[in-house]
C-alpha cells in the first residue's frame, strides 16, 4: 500500500507560510483528559515519530511528556532550563494542515473542506495506531498514541443523555448538540468522497475522537507573507492547523513558555522564565470566555468570569422598522466592543448574556435592553435613537436598567421562567453544587450549569419587580 505520508519536499511549498503566528491558535489542549493510573507523575521522553523527525522537528533532551491523574498529559523539564531556551522547534513541514491532509488522502478529498480532510486523516491514523501490528502509514504512531484516548468533560464528547443531565438548558447544550450533528454530516461527506479508501470514517467512534482532537488541538493559523522576510511566492494562509508535540503543553494563567515564529516560519516553544527540574511547561491558550473554554477544551481557568449566553439573540424580527433594527445593531456593536470581538466568527448574531458584577450582583442589562428595544412603541424608539445619535451611537443607560413597560417585563419573566425550568428549577438553598465521591471529571460542567441556574434565578427576581410605566 505504500506510505501515505509524503516526503517533506513534496509538501514544503504549501506549508511554508502556515506558521505565521503571533500566538498559537486556540485549540492546543494538552491531554487534559488522559487519566494516569495512580495519580503519580510519570515522565517519559517526548515522542518524535519518524515523519516528524524526517521533517526536522527538534526537541530539547530535557523536555519530557508527563502524565498525571490530575491534569492528564502535559510537558515538563527534567533539569533546569534558563529563560529564553528553545525547548522545541516545529518546522512548517511538520505542521498538520488541512491542505496537507487533502494531498495525502488523494483526489477523492479535493472537494472536502480542509477541516474535514484533516479530521479524516486523524481518524484514519488513530485507527491504524490502535489496530497495531506495526501498521503506521502516516509515520505518526507514537504521537497519535500519546494523545488522549477520550475527552470526558468536553461537551462534544457527551452522548445525548449525559449532555442533558450535565448541560440541559445551557447554551453549551445546544451548541454541543449542533456540533455533533455537524460532525456526523462531515463524516457522511467523507464517506461519500473517499468511500472504501477511508476505513475510519465508517466508525462513528473513530470520527468523534478525531473531531474532539481537532476541536481541542487545532486552530486557524494565519500564513506569513514570506517566512524569511524576503520576496517570494505568496504562501497559503488561514488553514486549519495542528502544531504537533507543542499541543501537549497544558494551559496556565501564568504560562512558563510561549510560542514564537522562527526565521523560516517554524514554531518555537520558548521558556519565558528560568525553569527548575520538574517544572511544568505551560502555555496560555488565548483570551476566551468561560463558556468558550468549556466548549473548546472542557475546562476553564479560575480567573475567567462566568458569562452565560441567554436564549435571546440580539436581533429584531422580520418586518421591524429600520430604526428599531438600527438600535439593536448599536447594542450588538457595544457588546462586541466590550468583548474585543469583530463579530466575524461565523456570522451568527451574538446573544444577550448574564454575568456577575465585581460586587457579586447579577448584570442582566443586555437582556433588558433587548426586551425594551423589541417592545418599545415607535415614539419611544425615535426618542432613544435621538439620544444615541447625540452620544456617538451610545445607547442610553436607562435602556438596560429596568423593563420600560409591561410588555418587556412580561417577555423577560416568561423567558427567564422557561429558562430556569430547562435548567432544572431554582438552585438549592445555599447555592452549592452536589459533590461526587472521588474525582469528578464532570465537575467543570456541573459548576457551569449551577452558576447558570443561580444567575437566571437572580435575574428573574430582579425583573419580576413592578415594571416602569
Protein backbone atom coordinates (compact mmCIF):
# COMPACT_ATOMS: atom_id res chain seq x y z
CA UNK A 1 0.00 0.00 0.00
CA UNK A 2 2.95 2.33 0.45
CA UNK A 3 3.39 5.31 2.69
CA UNK A 4 0.57 7.85 2.83
CA UNK A 5 2.88 10.45 4.33
CA UNK A 6 4.68 12.24 1.51
CA UNK A 7 8.35 13.26 1.88
CA UNK A 8 8.86 16.78 3.28
CA UNK A 9 9.88 18.11 -0.14
CA UNK A 10 6.53 17.15 -1.63
CA UNK A 11 4.55 19.47 0.59
CA UNK A 12 7.11 22.09 1.59
CA UNK A 13 5.64 24.87 -0.58
CA UNK A 14 2.11 24.67 0.79
CA UNK A 15 3.24 24.55 4.42
CA UNK A 16 5.99 27.18 4.39
CA UNK A 17 3.80 30.09 5.47
CA UNK A 18 1.28 28.39 7.70
CA UNK A 19 3.10 29.14 10.94
CA UNK A 20 2.80 32.93 10.91
CA UNK A 21 1.60 33.03 14.47
CA UNK A 22 1.72 35.92 16.88
CA UNK A 23 0.38 33.38 19.35
CA UNK A 24 -0.62 29.77 18.90
CA UNK A 25 -4.11 29.15 17.53
CA UNK A 26 -6.81 28.47 20.06
CA UNK A 27 -7.22 24.77 20.47
CA UNK A 28 -3.94 23.45 21.81
CA UNK A 29 -5.36 21.33 24.58
CA UNK A 30 -2.70 19.24 26.23
CA UNK A 31 -4.33 15.92 27.00
CA UNK A 32 -6.23 17.34 29.98
CA UNK A 33 -8.42 14.27 29.99
CA UNK A 34 -5.99 11.33 29.79
CA UNK A 35 -6.04 9.62 33.17
CA UNK A 36 -2.97 8.08 34.75
CA UNK A 37 -3.27 5.02 36.92
CA UNK A 38 -2.44 6.01 40.50
CA UNK A 39 -2.03 9.78 40.47
CA UNK A 40 1.78 9.81 40.50
CA UNK A 41 3.68 11.85 37.92
CA UNK A 42 5.06 9.68 35.12
CA UNK A 43 7.66 11.29 32.87
CA UNK A 44 8.92 9.88 29.61
CA UNK A 45 10.73 11.28 26.56
CA UNK A 46 8.65 13.35 24.16
CA UNK A 47 7.81 11.00 21.27
CA UNK A 48 9.17 12.18 17.91
CA UNK A 49 7.81 9.71 15.34
CA UNK A 50 9.64 9.17 12.07
CA UNK A 51 7.53 11.55 9.97
CA UNK A 52 8.22 14.43 12.37
CA UNK A 53 11.89 13.51 12.67
CA UNK A 54 12.19 13.49 8.88
CA UNK A 55 10.59 16.94 8.77
CA UNK A 56 13.30 18.31 11.08
CA UNK A 57 11.45 18.52 14.41
CA UNK A 58 13.84 19.26 17.27
CA UNK A 59 13.15 18.62 20.98
CA UNK A 60 15.41 19.62 23.88
CA UNK A 61 16.55 16.47 25.67
CA UNK A 62 15.40 17.95 28.99
CA UNK A 63 11.79 18.17 27.82
CA UNK A 64 9.56 15.32 29.00
CA UNK A 65 6.00 14.15 28.47
CA UNK A 66 4.33 13.97 31.88
CA UNK A 67 1.18 12.03 32.76
CA UNK A 68 -0.70 12.75 35.97
CA UNK A 69 -4.12 11.79 37.24
CA UNK A 70 -4.99 15.41 37.99
CA UNK A 71 -4.23 17.01 34.62
CA UNK A 72 -3.58 14.20 32.17
CA UNK A 73 -0.66 14.54 29.77
CA UNK A 74 1.49 17.68 29.61
CA UNK A 75 5.08 18.83 29.23
CA UNK A 76 7.74 19.28 31.92
CA UNK A 77 11.52 19.64 32.14
CA UNK A 78 13.74 17.09 33.84
CA UNK A 79 16.60 19.52 34.55
CA UNK A 80 16.96 23.30 34.98
CA UNK A 81 16.33 25.38 31.86
CA UNK A 82 17.18 29.10 31.52
CA UNK A 83 14.69 31.68 30.30
CA UNK A 84 14.81 32.08 26.54
CA UNK A 85 15.77 28.47 25.91
CA UNK A 86 14.16 26.93 22.81
CA UNK A 87 12.58 23.72 24.05
CA UNK A 88 11.05 22.63 20.79
CA UNK A 89 11.29 23.53 17.10
CA UNK A 90 8.49 22.50 14.74
CA UNK A 91 9.29 23.30 11.09
CA UNK A 92 6.49 24.23 8.71
CA UNK A 93 6.95 20.85 7.04
CA UNK A 94 5.85 19.13 10.26
CA UNK A 95 2.61 21.08 10.75
CA UNK A 96 -0.55 19.05 10.27
CA UNK A 97 -2.79 21.12 8.00
CA UNK A 98 -5.98 20.70 6.03
CA UNK A 99 -4.13 21.27 2.76
CA UNK A 100 -1.64 18.52 3.65
CA UNK A 101 -4.48 16.15 4.56
CA UNK A 102 -6.18 16.71 1.19
CA UNK A 103 -2.98 15.81 -0.65
CA UNK A 104 -2.32 12.76 1.49
CA UNK A 105 -5.88 11.46 1.06
CA UNK A 106 -5.69 11.84 -2.69
CA UNK A 107 -8.00 13.09 -5.47
CA UNK A 108 -11.16 11.96 -3.68
CA UNK A 109 -10.59 14.58 -0.99
CA UNK A 110 -10.36 17.51 -3.40
CA UNK A 111 -13.91 18.69 -2.69
CA UNK A 112 -13.74 18.23 1.08
CA UNK A 113 -13.34 21.19 3.39
CA UNK A 114 -9.77 21.31 4.77
CA UNK A 115 -11.03 20.75 8.32
CA UNK A 116 -12.96 17.64 7.22
CA UNK A 117 -9.91 16.30 5.39
CA UNK A 118 -7.69 16.79 8.44
CA UNK A 119 -10.31 15.14 10.66
CA UNK A 120 -10.40 12.18 8.26
CA UNK A 121 -6.60 11.91 8.31
CA UNK A 122 -6.50 11.95 12.12
CA UNK A 123 -9.28 9.37 12.36
CA UNK A 124 -7.52 7.04 9.93
CA UNK A 125 -4.16 7.47 11.65
CA UNK A 126 -5.64 6.85 15.09
CA UNK A 127 -7.45 3.74 13.83
CA UNK A 128 -4.24 2.33 12.40
CA UNK A 129 -2.34 3.12 15.60
CA UNK A 130 -4.92 1.29 17.72
CA UNK A 131 -5.06 -1.71 15.38
CA UNK A 132 -1.34 -2.26 15.95
CA UNK A 133 0.66 -4.89 14.17
CA UNK A 134 3.29 -2.37 13.09
CA UNK A 135 0.90 -0.52 10.77
CA UNK A 136 1.95 3.14 10.68
CA UNK A 137 1.19 4.52 7.24
CA UNK A 138 1.36 8.13 8.45
CA UNK A 139 4.60 7.81 10.36
CA UNK A 140 2.94 9.39 13.41
CA UNK A 141 2.30 6.30 15.52
CA UNK A 142 3.91 7.42 18.80
CA UNK A 143 2.37 10.89 18.62
CA UNK A 144 -1.15 9.58 17.96
CA UNK A 145 -0.94 7.01 20.75
CA UNK A 146 0.22 9.69 23.22
CA UNK A 147 -2.88 11.77 22.53
CA UNK A 148 -5.86 11.35 24.89
CA UNK A 149 -7.98 8.27 24.30
CA UNK A 150 -11.11 10.12 25.41
CA UNK A 151 -12.33 13.61 26.26
CA UNK A 152 -14.88 13.02 29.05
CA UNK A 153 -15.53 16.64 30.11
CA UNK A 154 -15.69 18.01 26.56
CA UNK A 155 -19.34 18.85 25.77
CA UNK A 156 -18.96 17.48 22.23
CA UNK A 157 -17.91 14.10 23.64
CA UNK A 158 -21.06 13.64 25.74
CA UNK A 159 -23.84 11.43 24.46
CA UNK A 160 -27.31 12.95 24.41
CA UNK A 161 -28.40 11.53 27.76
CA UNK A 162 -25.29 12.70 29.60
CA UNK A 163 -25.38 16.08 27.87
CA UNK A 164 -28.96 16.63 29.02
CA UNK A 165 -28.04 15.66 32.58
CA UNK A 166 -24.99 17.92 32.79
CA UNK A 167 -25.85 20.81 30.47
CA UNK A 168 -29.59 20.80 29.89
CA UNK A 169 -30.91 24.35 29.44
CA UNK A 170 -27.50 25.92 28.83
CA UNK A 171 -26.04 27.42 25.68
CA UNK A 172 -23.36 24.72 25.73
CA UNK A 173 -26.04 22.04 25.48
CA UNK A 174 -27.48 23.45 22.27
CA UNK A 175 -24.07 24.30 20.82
CA UNK A 176 -22.56 20.87 21.51
CA UNK A 177 -25.58 19.05 20.04
CA UNK A 178 -25.31 21.20 16.93
CA UNK A 179 -21.60 20.39 16.66
CA UNK A 180 -22.28 16.66 16.99
CA UNK A 181 -24.81 16.90 14.17
CA UNK A 182 -22.25 18.79 12.09
CA UNK A 183 -19.64 16.11 12.83
CA UNK A 184 -21.99 13.40 11.61
CA UNK A 185 -22.71 15.34 8.41
CA UNK A 186 -18.97 15.73 7.83
CA UNK A 187 -18.42 12.02 8.38
CA UNK A 188 -21.03 11.23 5.75
CA UNK A 189 -19.35 13.69 3.36
CA UNK A 190 -16.00 11.96 3.93
CA UNK A 191 -17.55 8.55 3.25
CA UNK A 192 -19.15 9.84 0.04
CA UNK A 193 -15.85 11.36 -1.13
CA UNK A 194 -13.41 8.66 -0.09
CA UNK A 195 -15.56 5.54 0.11
CA UNK A 196 -13.71 2.32 0.76
CA UNK A 197 -10.34 4.12 0.89
CA UNK A 198 -11.10 5.53 4.35
CA UNK A 199 -11.95 2.84 6.85
CA UNK A 200 -12.09 5.08 9.92
CA UNK A 201 -14.93 7.21 8.55
CA UNK A 202 -17.25 4.20 8.79
CA UNK A 203 -16.79 4.23 12.58
CA UNK A 204 -18.73 7.00 14.39
CA UNK A 205 -16.48 6.47 17.41
CA UNK A 206 -13.25 6.99 15.43
CA UNK A 207 -14.68 10.05 13.75
CA UNK A 208 -15.87 11.60 17.02
CA UNK A 209 -12.43 11.05 18.56
CA UNK A 210 -10.84 12.89 15.61
CA UNK A 211 -13.40 15.70 15.83
CA UNK A 212 -12.69 16.12 19.55
CA UNK A 213 -8.95 16.11 18.88
CA UNK A 214 -9.45 18.78 16.21
CA UNK A 215 -11.58 20.95 18.50
CA UNK A 216 -9.09 20.84 21.35
CA UNK A 217 -5.82 20.96 19.42
CA UNK A 218 -6.34 22.68 16.07
CA UNK A 219 -6.84 26.29 15.07
CA UNK A 220 -6.70 28.61 12.12
CA UNK A 221 -3.10 29.66 11.52
CA UNK A 222 -2.56 32.84 9.54
CA UNK A 223 0.07 32.36 6.87
CA UNK A 224 3.15 34.50 6.66
CA UNK A 225 3.80 36.58 3.54
CA UNK A 226 7.39 35.34 3.40
CA UNK A 227 8.77 33.31 6.26
CA UNK A 228 12.34 34.51 5.74
CA UNK A 229 11.44 38.16 5.26
CA UNK A 230 12.40 38.21 1.59
CA UNK A 231 10.44 38.35 -1.60
CA UNK A 232 8.92 35.14 -2.77
CA UNK A 233 5.83 33.26 -3.74
CA UNK A 234 2.75 34.05 -1.67
CA UNK A 235 2.08 31.25 0.78
CA UNK A 236 -1.27 29.72 1.74
CA UNK A 237 -2.92 31.23 4.79
CA UNK A 238 -5.81 30.63 7.16
CA UNK A 239 -5.52 26.84 7.01
CA UNK A 240 -6.72 24.61 9.81
CA UNK A 241 -3.53 23.56 11.62
CA UNK A 242 -2.24 21.38 14.43
CA UNK A 243 1.25 22.05 15.80
CA UNK A 244 2.27 18.51 16.83
CA UNK A 245 4.06 17.92 20.15
CA UNK A 246 3.63 21.56 21.19
CA UNK A 247 -0.06 20.68 21.55
CA UNK A 248 0.79 18.62 24.64
CA UNK A 249 1.53 21.79 26.67
CA UNK A 250 -1.14 22.40 29.28
CA UNK A 251 -2.81 25.77 29.79
CA UNK A 252 -1.99 28.12 32.68
CA UNK A 253 -2.97 31.62 33.71
CA UNK A 254 0.71 32.49 34.15
CA UNK A 255 2.39 30.34 31.47
CA UNK A 256 6.02 29.29 31.74
CA UNK A 257 6.54 29.24 27.96
CA UNK A 258 5.28 30.80 24.75
CA UNK A 259 5.37 30.07 21.04
CA UNK A 260 7.31 32.27 18.67
CA UNK A 261 7.82 32.22 14.96
CA UNK A 262 11.33 31.44 13.79
CA UNK A 263 13.17 32.99 10.83
CA UNK A 264 11.93 30.30 8.43
CA UNK A 265 8.37 30.22 9.75
CA UNK A 266 8.98 27.38 12.19
CA UNK A 267 7.14 27.31 15.53
CA UNK A 268 9.48 27.64 18.51
CA UNK A 269 8.47 26.70 22.05
CA UNK A 270 10.49 29.08 24.23
CA UNK A 271 10.84 29.18 28.03
CA UNK A 272 9.61 32.51 29.44
CA UNK A 273 11.41 32.11 32.74
CA UNK A 274 14.07 30.03 34.43
CA UNK A 275 12.63 26.55 34.99
CA UNK A 276 13.73 24.16 37.70
CA UNK A 277 13.93 20.43 37.16
CA UNK A 278 10.40 19.03 37.40
CA UNK A 279 8.65 22.32 36.48
CA UNK A 280 5.76 22.12 34.05
CA UNK A 281 5.95 23.80 30.65
CA UNK A 282 2.66 25.61 30.07
CA UNK A 283 1.07 27.96 27.55
CA UNK A 284 -1.83 30.39 27.54
CA UNK A 285 -4.44 29.30 25.01
CA UNK A 286 -5.65 32.83 24.35
CA UNK A 287 -8.34 35.12 25.74
CA UNK A 288 -11.62 33.24 25.80
CA UNK A 289 -14.78 33.45 27.85
CA UNK A 290 -15.69 30.85 30.45
CA UNK A 291 -18.23 29.30 28.07
CA UNK A 292 -15.79 29.28 25.17
CA UNK A 293 -13.14 27.48 27.23
CA UNK A 294 -15.63 24.86 28.39
CA UNK A 295 -16.93 24.34 24.87
CA UNK A 296 -13.48 24.07 23.27
CA UNK A 297 -11.47 22.36 25.99
CA UNK A 298 -13.80 21.02 28.67
CA UNK A 299 -12.26 23.19 31.41
CA UNK A 300 -11.99 26.86 32.31
CA UNK A 301 -9.29 28.75 34.17
CA UNK A 302 -10.31 30.05 37.62
CA UNK A 303 -9.75 33.65 36.53
CA UNK A 304 -12.29 33.56 33.70
CA UNK A 305 -15.58 35.19 34.61
CA UNK A 306 -18.63 33.00 34.05
CA UNK A 307 -20.69 34.82 31.43
CA UNK A 308 -23.68 32.76 30.26
CA UNK A 309 -25.45 33.17 26.95
CA UNK A 310 -29.22 33.59 27.11
CA UNK A 311 -31.77 32.18 24.64
CA UNK A 312 -32.37 35.74 23.45
CA UNK A 313 -30.47 36.70 20.27
CA UNK A 314 -29.58 40.31 19.57
CA UNK A 315 -31.84 40.52 16.53
CA UNK A 316 -35.14 42.13 15.60
CA UNK A 317 -37.99 40.17 14.00
CA UNK A 318 -38.66 40.35 10.29
CA UNK A 319 -40.73 43.42 9.49
CA UNK A 320 -39.32 45.56 12.31
CA UNK A 321 -38.74 49.21 11.45
CA UNK A 322 -35.31 50.26 10.24
CA UNK A 323 -34.88 52.50 13.28
CA UNK A 324 -35.63 49.65 15.70
CA UNK A 325 -33.20 47.39 13.82
CA UNK A 326 -30.57 50.13 13.98
CA UNK A 327 -30.91 50.34 17.79
CA UNK A 328 -30.42 46.59 18.04
CA UNK A 329 -27.35 46.85 15.84
CA UNK A 330 -25.93 49.52 18.15
CA UNK A 331 -26.40 47.08 21.03
CA UNK A 332 -24.62 44.36 19.03
CA UNK A 333 -21.71 46.73 18.39
CA UNK A 334 -21.45 47.69 22.05
CA UNK A 335 -21.42 44.03 23.12
CA UNK A 336 -18.74 43.16 20.58
CA UNK A 337 -16.62 46.16 21.54
CA UNK A 338 -16.88 45.23 25.20
CA UNK A 339 -15.53 41.77 24.37
CA UNK A 340 -12.94 42.99 21.88
CA UNK A 341 -14.58 40.90 19.14
CA UNK A 342 -15.16 41.67 15.49
CA UNK A 343 -18.27 39.52 15.25
CA UNK A 344 -16.80 37.74 12.25
CA UNK A 345 -16.72 34.25 13.75
CA UNK A 346 -19.33 32.55 11.64
CA UNK A 347 -21.81 35.37 11.19
CA UNK A 348 -24.11 34.18 14.00
CA UNK A 349 -25.64 37.15 15.86
CA UNK A 350 -24.50 37.24 19.47
CA UNK A 351 -26.97 36.54 22.24
CA UNK A 352 -27.74 38.59 25.31
CA UNK A 353 -25.80 37.40 28.36
CA UNK A 354 -25.92 37.24 32.14
CA UNK A 355 -22.91 37.71 34.40
CA UNK A 356 -21.92 38.97 37.83
CA UNK A 357 -20.60 42.42 38.61
CA UNK A 358 -17.48 42.78 40.80
CA UNK A 359 -19.81 43.14 43.78
CA UNK A 360 -21.47 39.80 43.02
CA UNK A 361 -24.78 41.18 41.74
CA UNK A 362 -26.27 39.79 38.55
CA UNK A 363 -25.95 42.02 35.48
CA UNK A 364 -28.93 41.42 33.17
CA UNK A 365 -28.69 44.75 31.35
CA UNK A 366 -28.24 43.10 27.94
CA UNK A 367 -31.46 41.09 28.32
CA UNK A 368 -33.37 44.16 29.50
CA UNK A 369 -32.06 46.23 26.58
CA UNK A 370 -33.14 43.61 24.06
CA UNK A 371 -36.62 43.33 25.57
CA UNK A 372 -37.03 47.11 25.67
CA UNK A 373 -35.89 47.54 22.04
CA UNK A 374 -38.28 44.81 20.92
CA UNK A 375 -41.32 46.18 22.73
CA UNK A 376 -40.97 49.97 22.77
CA UNK A 377 -43.55 51.86 20.74
CA UNK A 378 -42.29 53.80 17.73
CA UNK A 379 -42.33 57.12 19.58
CA UNK A 380 -40.02 55.74 22.26
CA UNK A 381 -37.82 54.17 19.57
CA UNK A 382 -37.42 57.59 17.94
CA UNK A 383 -36.63 59.22 21.29
CA UNK A 384 -33.96 56.63 22.13
CA UNK A 385 -32.48 56.94 18.64
CA UNK A 386 -32.18 60.70 19.03
CA UNK A 387 -30.33 60.28 22.34
CA UNK A 388 -27.99 57.74 20.76
CA UNK A 389 -27.30 59.99 17.77
CA UNK A 390 -26.21 62.79 20.10
CA UNK A 391 -23.95 60.36 22.02
CA UNK A 392 -21.91 58.94 19.13
CA UNK A 393 -24.07 55.83 18.92
CA UNK A 394 -24.04 55.02 22.63
CA UNK A 395 -27.41 53.74 23.87
CA UNK A 396 -28.81 55.46 26.99
CA UNK A 397 -28.03 53.62 30.22
CA UNK A 398 -31.67 53.59 31.31
CA UNK A 399 -32.43 51.21 28.46
CA UNK A 400 -30.71 48.43 30.41
CA UNK A 401 -31.72 49.37 33.94
CA UNK A 402 -35.31 48.07 34.02
CA UNK A 403 -38.12 46.98 31.70
CA UNK A 404 -39.78 50.08 30.28
CA UNK A 405 -43.36 48.89 30.44
CA UNK A 406 -45.47 45.78 30.99
CA UNK A 407 -44.69 44.13 27.64
CA UNK A 408 -40.89 43.87 28.02
CA UNK A 409 -41.32 42.84 31.67
CA UNK A 410 -43.73 40.04 30.71
CA UNK A 411 -41.38 38.93 27.91
CA UNK A 412 -38.41 38.70 30.26
CA UNK A 413 -40.37 36.94 33.00
CA UNK A 414 -41.65 34.29 30.60
CA UNK A 415 -38.20 33.80 29.06
CA UNK A 416 -36.40 33.53 32.39
CA UNK A 417 -39.02 31.23 33.92
CA UNK A 418 -38.79 28.89 30.94
CA UNK A 419 -35.00 29.04 31.01
CA UNK A 420 -34.86 28.28 34.73
CA UNK A 421 -37.21 25.34 34.26
CA UNK A 422 -34.97 23.95 31.49
CA UNK A 423 -32.00 24.28 33.87
CA UNK A 424 -33.73 22.10 36.45
CA UNK A 425 -35.52 24.71 38.53
CA UNK A 426 -34.31 27.14 41.19
CA UNK A 427 -30.88 26.44 42.71
CA UNK A 428 -30.79 24.60 46.06
CA UNK A 429 -30.62 26.62 49.25
CA UNK A 430 -27.08 27.83 49.73
CA UNK A 431 -26.32 27.51 46.03
CA UNK A 432 -23.86 24.64 46.47
CA UNK A 433 -23.20 22.06 43.78
CA UNK A 434 -23.75 18.48 44.89
CA UNK A 435 -20.35 16.90 45.25
CA UNK A 436 -19.45 13.49 43.88
CA UNK A 437 -17.36 10.87 45.60
CA UNK A 438 -13.77 10.81 44.36
CA UNK A 439 -12.54 12.68 41.32
CA UNK A 440 -15.45 14.08 39.30
CA UNK A 441 -14.36 14.50 35.69
CA UNK A 442 -17.57 16.43 35.00
CA UNK A 443 -17.05 18.96 37.82
CA UNK A 444 -16.42 21.96 35.48
CA UNK A 445 -19.67 21.28 33.61
CA UNK A 446 -21.68 20.78 36.81
CA UNK A 447 -20.33 24.05 38.22
CA UNK A 448 -21.16 25.90 35.00
CA UNK A 449 -24.77 24.72 34.96
CA UNK A 450 -25.14 25.53 38.67
CA UNK A 451 -23.90 29.08 38.01
CA UNK A 452 -26.35 29.37 35.11
CA UNK A 453 -29.20 28.43 37.46
CA UNK A 454 -28.07 30.94 40.07
CA UNK A 455 -27.73 33.77 37.54
CA UNK A 456 -31.09 33.09 35.92
CA UNK A 457 -32.85 32.89 39.30
CA UNK A 458 -31.29 36.21 40.35
CA UNK A 459 -32.24 37.83 37.04
CA UNK A 460 -35.80 36.58 37.36
CA UNK A 461 -36.08 38.06 40.84
CA UNK A 462 -34.84 41.38 39.50
CA UNK A 463 -37.17 41.70 36.50
CA UNK A 464 -40.17 40.44 38.46
CA UNK A 465 -40.42 43.73 40.38
CA UNK A 466 -43.13 46.11 39.12
CA UNK A 467 -42.14 47.46 35.71
CA UNK A 468 -41.67 51.14 34.98
CA UNK A 469 -44.75 52.79 33.45
